[in-house]
Amino acid sequence: MPMKKSRHILSAALLISIIGSSLQASLLDTQALLSFAAYCPFNQIQSWSCYWCKHPSTPKLTVVDAIYNQNADTSGYIGYHNNISK
């Protein structure tokens, strides 16, 4: 009997995990699109006009600052969007 009960608990936990992950899928997609934008040309990041910035699923971001390090050839940005549901 204990084995059957533990299978039900495991099944319920798995179901909750699957439901929870599907609810967060759109948030993960948004975060991925925002990450992709960091690889765009620096001037396009500053104006939020690159391919990934303009993608229909990417939130319209207000870029506060964009940073470029020439020695490391890396860039990044700081910004926010007003969609508080994400």
N, C-alpha and C. Protein backbone atom coordinates (compact mmCIF):
# COMPACT_ATOMS: atom_id res chain seq x y z
N MET A 1 0.79 -1.21 0.00
CA MET A 1 0.00 0.00 0.00
C MET A 1 0.84 1.28 0.00
N PRO A 2 1.91 1.39 0.79
CA PRO A 2 2.68 2.63 0.81
C PRO A 2 3.24 2.98 -0.58
N MET A 3 3.58 1.97 -1.37
CA MET A 3 4.12 2.23 -2.71
C MET A 3 3.09 2.90 -3.59
N LYS A 4 1.84 2.48 -3.53
CA LYS A 4 0.77 3.04 -4.34
C LYS A 4 0.53 4.51 -3.95
N LYS A 5 0.53 4.78 -2.65
CA LYS A 5 0.32 6.14 -2.17
C LYS A 5 1.46 7.06 -2.63
N SER A 6 2.68 6.59 -2.57
CA SER A 6 3.81 7.42 -2.98
C SER A 6 3.78 7.69 -4.48
N ARG A 7 3.26 6.75 -5.29
CA ARG A 7 3.12 6.99 -6.73
C ARG A 7 2.10 8.10 -7.00
N HIS A 8 1.02 8.11 -6.21
CA HIS A 8 0.01 9.16 -6.38
C HIS A 8 0.58 10.53 -6.02
N ILE A 9 1.34 10.58 -4.97
CA ILE A 9 1.97 11.83 -4.56
C ILE A 9 2.95 12.29 -5.62
N LEU A 10 3.75 11.37 -6.14
CA LEU A 10 4.71 11.69 -7.19
C LEU A 10 3.99 12.17 -8.45
N SER A 11 2.90 11.49 -8.82
CA SER A 11 2.12 11.89 -10.00
C SER A 11 1.53 13.28 -9.82
N ALA A 12 1.01 13.56 -8.64
CA ALA A 12 0.44 14.89 -8.37
C ALA A 12 1.52 15.96 -8.44
N ALA A 13 2.68 15.67 -7.88
CA ALA A 13 3.78 16.63 -7.92
C ALA A 13 4.23 16.89 -9.35
N LEU A 14 4.28 15.85 -10.16
CA LEU A 14 4.67 15.99 -11.55
C LEU A 14 3.64 16.82 -12.31
N LEU A 15 2.37 16.58 -12.07
CA LEU A 15 1.30 17.34 -12.73
C LEU A 15 1.38 18.81 -12.34
N ILE A 16 1.59 19.10 -11.07
CA ILE A 16 1.72 20.48 -10.62
C ILE A 16 2.93 21.13 -11.27
N SER A 17 4.01 20.40 -11.38
CA SER A 17 5.22 20.91 -12.01
C SER A 17 4.98 21.25 -13.48
N ILE A 18 4.29 20.38 -14.19
CA ILE A 18 4.00 20.61 -15.62
C ILE A 18 3.10 21.83 -15.78
N ILE A 19 2.06 21.94 -14.96
CA ILE A 19 1.16 23.10 -15.05
C ILE A 19 1.93 24.38 -14.73
N GLY A 20 2.73 24.34 -13.69
CA GLY A 20 3.51 25.52 -13.31
C GLY A 20 4.50 25.93 -14.39
N SER A 21 5.14 24.96 -15.02
CA SER A 21 6.12 25.30 -16.05
C SER A 21 5.44 25.87 -17.28
N SER A 22 4.25 25.41 -17.63
CA SER A 22 3.58 25.96 -18.80
C SER A 22 3.12 27.38 -18.53
N LEU A 23 2.76 27.70 -17.29
CA LEU A 23 2.38 29.06 -16.96
C LEU A 23 3.56 30.01 -17.04
N GLN A 24 4.75 29.50 -16.77
CA GLN A 24 5.93 30.34 -16.81
C GLN A 24 6.62 30.34 -18.17
N ALA A 25 6.12 29.58 -19.11
CA ALA A 25 6.77 29.49 -20.42
C ALA A 25 6.83 30.85 -21.10
N SER A 26 5.76 31.62 -21.04
CA SER A 26 5.78 32.92 -21.70
C SER A 26 6.79 33.85 -21.04
N LEU A 27 6.93 33.75 -19.72
CA LEU A 27 7.93 34.56 -19.02
C LEU A 27 9.33 34.16 -19.46
N LEU A 28 9.58 32.87 -19.60
CA LEU A 28 10.89 32.40 -20.06
C LEU A 28 11.15 32.83 -21.49
N ASP A 29 10.13 32.79 -22.34
CA ASP A 29 10.27 33.26 -23.72
C ASP A 29 10.65 34.73 -23.73
N THR A 30 9.99 35.53 -22.91
CA THR A 30 10.28 36.96 -22.84
C THR A 30 11.71 37.19 -22.37
N GLN A 31 12.12 36.46 -21.36
CA GLN A 31 13.49 36.61 -20.85
C GLN A 31 14.52 36.20 -21.90
N ALA A 32 14.22 35.17 -22.67
CA ALA A 32 15.13 34.75 -23.74
C ALA A 32 15.25 35.84 -24.80
N LEU A 33 14.13 36.42 -25.21
CA LEU A 33 14.16 37.49 -26.21
C LEU A 33 14.95 38.69 -25.70
N LEU A 34 14.76 39.04 -24.45
CA LEU A 34 15.53 40.15 -23.88
C LEU A 34 17.01 39.81 -23.82
N SER A 35 17.35 38.56 -23.60
CA SER A 35 18.75 38.13 -23.60
C SER A 35 19.35 38.19 -25.00
N PHE A 36 18.57 37.76 -25.99
CA PHE A 36 19.06 37.80 -27.38
C PHE A 36 19.41 39.23 -27.78
N ALA A 37 18.65 40.19 -27.31
CA ALA A 37 18.88 41.59 -27.67
C ALA A 37 20.27 42.07 -27.23
N ALA A 38 20.81 41.49 -26.18
CA ALA A 38 22.13 41.90 -25.70
C ALA A 38 23.24 41.61 -26.71
N TYR A 39 22.98 40.75 -27.70
CA TYR A 39 23.99 40.40 -28.70
C TYR A 39 23.88 41.25 -29.97
N CYS A 40 22.94 42.19 -29.98
CA CYS A 40 22.75 43.05 -31.15
C CYS A 40 23.81 44.15 -31.17
N PRO A 41 23.96 44.83 -32.31
CA PRO A 41 24.90 45.95 -32.36
C PRO A 41 24.58 47.00 -31.29
N PHE A 42 25.63 47.55 -30.71
CA PHE A 42 25.50 48.45 -29.57
C PHE A 42 24.57 49.63 -29.84
N ASN A 43 24.71 50.26 -31.01
CA ASN A 43 23.87 51.42 -31.30
C ASN A 43 22.40 51.04 -31.41
N GLN A 44 22.11 49.81 -31.84
CA GLN A 44 20.73 49.35 -31.93
C GLN A 44 20.16 49.00 -30.56
N ILE A 45 21.02 48.57 -29.65
CA ILE A 45 20.57 48.33 -28.28
C ILE A 45 20.18 49.66 -27.64
N GLN A 46 21.01 50.68 -27.85
CA GLN A 46 20.73 51.99 -27.27
C GLN A 46 19.38 52.55 -27.72
N SER A 47 19.04 52.33 -28.97
CA SER A 47 17.78 52.86 -29.51
C SER A 47 16.65 51.83 -29.46
N TRP A 48 16.96 50.64 -28.98
CA TRP A 48 16.02 49.52 -28.90
C TRP A 48 15.37 49.27 -30.26
N SER A 49 16.23 49.10 -31.27
CA SER A 49 15.74 48.98 -32.64
C SER A 49 16.28 47.76 -33.39
N CYS A 50 16.92 46.85 -32.70
CA CYS A 50 17.48 45.66 -33.37
C CYS A 50 16.37 44.65 -33.69
N TYR A 51 16.74 43.59 -34.37
CA TYR A 51 15.77 42.56 -34.75
C TYR A 51 15.03 42.02 -33.53
N TRP A 52 15.77 41.65 -32.48
CA TRP A 52 15.15 41.05 -31.30
C TRP A 52 14.38 42.08 -30.49
N CYS A 53 14.83 43.33 -30.52
CA CYS A 53 14.12 44.40 -29.81
C CYS A 53 12.75 44.63 -30.43
N LYS A 54 12.66 44.49 -31.73
CA LYS A 54 11.41 44.74 -32.45
C LYS A 54 10.52 43.50 -32.57
N HIS A 55 11.01 42.36 -32.11
CA HIS A 55 10.23 41.12 -32.20
C HIS A 55 8.87 41.34 -31.52
N PRO A 56 7.79 40.87 -32.14
CA PRO A 56 6.45 41.11 -31.58
C PRO A 56 6.26 40.62 -30.14
N SER A 57 7.00 39.61 -29.73
CA SER A 57 6.85 39.07 -28.37
C SER A 57 7.76 39.75 -27.35
N THR A 58 8.67 40.59 -27.81
CA THR A 58 9.57 41.29 -26.91
C THR A 58 8.86 42.53 -26.37
N PRO A 59 8.84 42.72 -25.06
CA PRO A 59 8.18 43.91 -24.52
C PRO A 59 8.93 45.18 -24.93
N LYS A 60 8.19 46.24 -25.13
CA LYS A 60 8.81 47.53 -25.43
C LYS A 60 9.56 47.97 -24.18
N LEU A 61 10.86 48.06 -24.31
CA LEU A 61 11.71 48.35 -23.17
C LEU A 61 12.14 49.81 -23.21
N THR A 62 12.18 50.45 -22.07
CA THR A 62 12.78 51.77 -21.94
C THR A 62 14.21 51.52 -21.49
N VAL A 63 15.17 51.81 -22.36
CA VAL A 63 16.58 51.57 -22.05
C VAL A 63 17.09 52.74 -21.21
N VAL A 64 17.56 52.42 -20.01
CA VAL A 64 18.09 53.43 -19.10
C VAL A 64 19.55 53.68 -19.41
N ASP A 65 20.28 52.61 -19.70
CA ASP A 65 21.70 52.74 -20.02
C ASP A 65 22.13 51.53 -20.83
N ALA A 66 23.10 51.74 -21.69
CA ALA A 66 23.73 50.65 -22.44
C ALA A 66 25.22 50.75 -22.19
N ILE A 67 25.85 49.62 -22.01
CA ILE A 67 27.25 49.59 -21.61
C ILE A 67 28.04 48.77 -22.62
N TYR A 68 29.21 49.27 -23.01
CA TYR A 68 30.09 48.52 -23.91
C TYR A 68 31.50 48.56 -23.35
N ASN A 69 32.13 47.40 -23.25
CA ASN A 69 33.51 47.30 -22.81
C ASN A 69 34.34 46.88 -24.00
N GLN A 70 35.16 47.80 -24.49
CA GLN A 70 35.94 47.54 -25.69
C GLN A 70 37.00 46.45 -25.47
N ASN A 71 37.64 46.42 -24.29
CA ASN A 71 38.67 45.42 -24.02
C ASN A 71 38.12 44.00 -24.06
N ALA A 72 36.94 43.82 -23.51
CA ALA A 72 36.33 42.49 -23.47
C ALA A 72 35.38 42.26 -24.65
N ASP A 73 35.10 43.32 -25.41
CA ASP A 73 34.16 43.28 -26.53
C ASP A 73 32.81 42.70 -26.07
N THR A 74 32.33 43.24 -24.96
CA THR A 74 31.04 42.81 -24.41
C THR A 74 30.14 44.04 -24.22
N SER A 75 28.85 43.78 -24.27
CA SER A 75 27.91 44.87 -24.06
C SER A 75 26.73 44.36 -23.24
N GLY A 76 25.99 45.28 -22.74
CA GLY A 76 24.80 44.95 -21.98
C GLY A 76 23.92 46.18 -21.87
N TYR A 77 22.78 46.01 -21.28
CA TYR A 77 21.88 47.15 -21.14
C TYR A 77 21.09 47.03 -19.84
N ILE A 78 20.57 48.16 -19.42
CA ILE A 78 19.71 48.24 -18.25
C ILE A 78 18.43 48.92 -18.71
N GLY A 79 17.31 48.32 -18.41
CA GLY A 79 16.05 48.91 -18.85
C GLY A 79 14.88 48.34 -18.08
N TYR A 80 13.73 48.85 -18.40
CA TYR A 80 12.51 48.36 -17.77
C TYR A 80 11.35 48.44 -18.75
N HIS A 81 10.32 47.65 -18.46
CA HIS A 81 9.08 47.74 -19.22
C HIS A 81 7.95 47.84 -18.22
N ASN A 82 6.85 48.39 -18.66
CA ASN A 82 5.75 48.70 -17.75
C ASN A 82 4.75 47.57 -17.57
N ASN A 83 5.00 46.41 -18.16
CA ASN A 83 4.06 45.30 -18.03
C ASN A 83 4.33 44.59 -16.71
N ILE A 84 3.61 44.99 -15.67
CA ILE A 84 3.87 44.46 -14.32
C ILE A 84 3.35 43.04 -14.14
N SER A 85 2.60 42.52 -15.11
CA SER A 85 2.10 41.15 -14.96
C SER A 85 3.18 40.12 -15.20
N LYS A 86 4.33 40.52 -15.68
CA LYS A 86 5.43 39.59 -15.93
C LYS A 86 6.47 39.84 -14.90
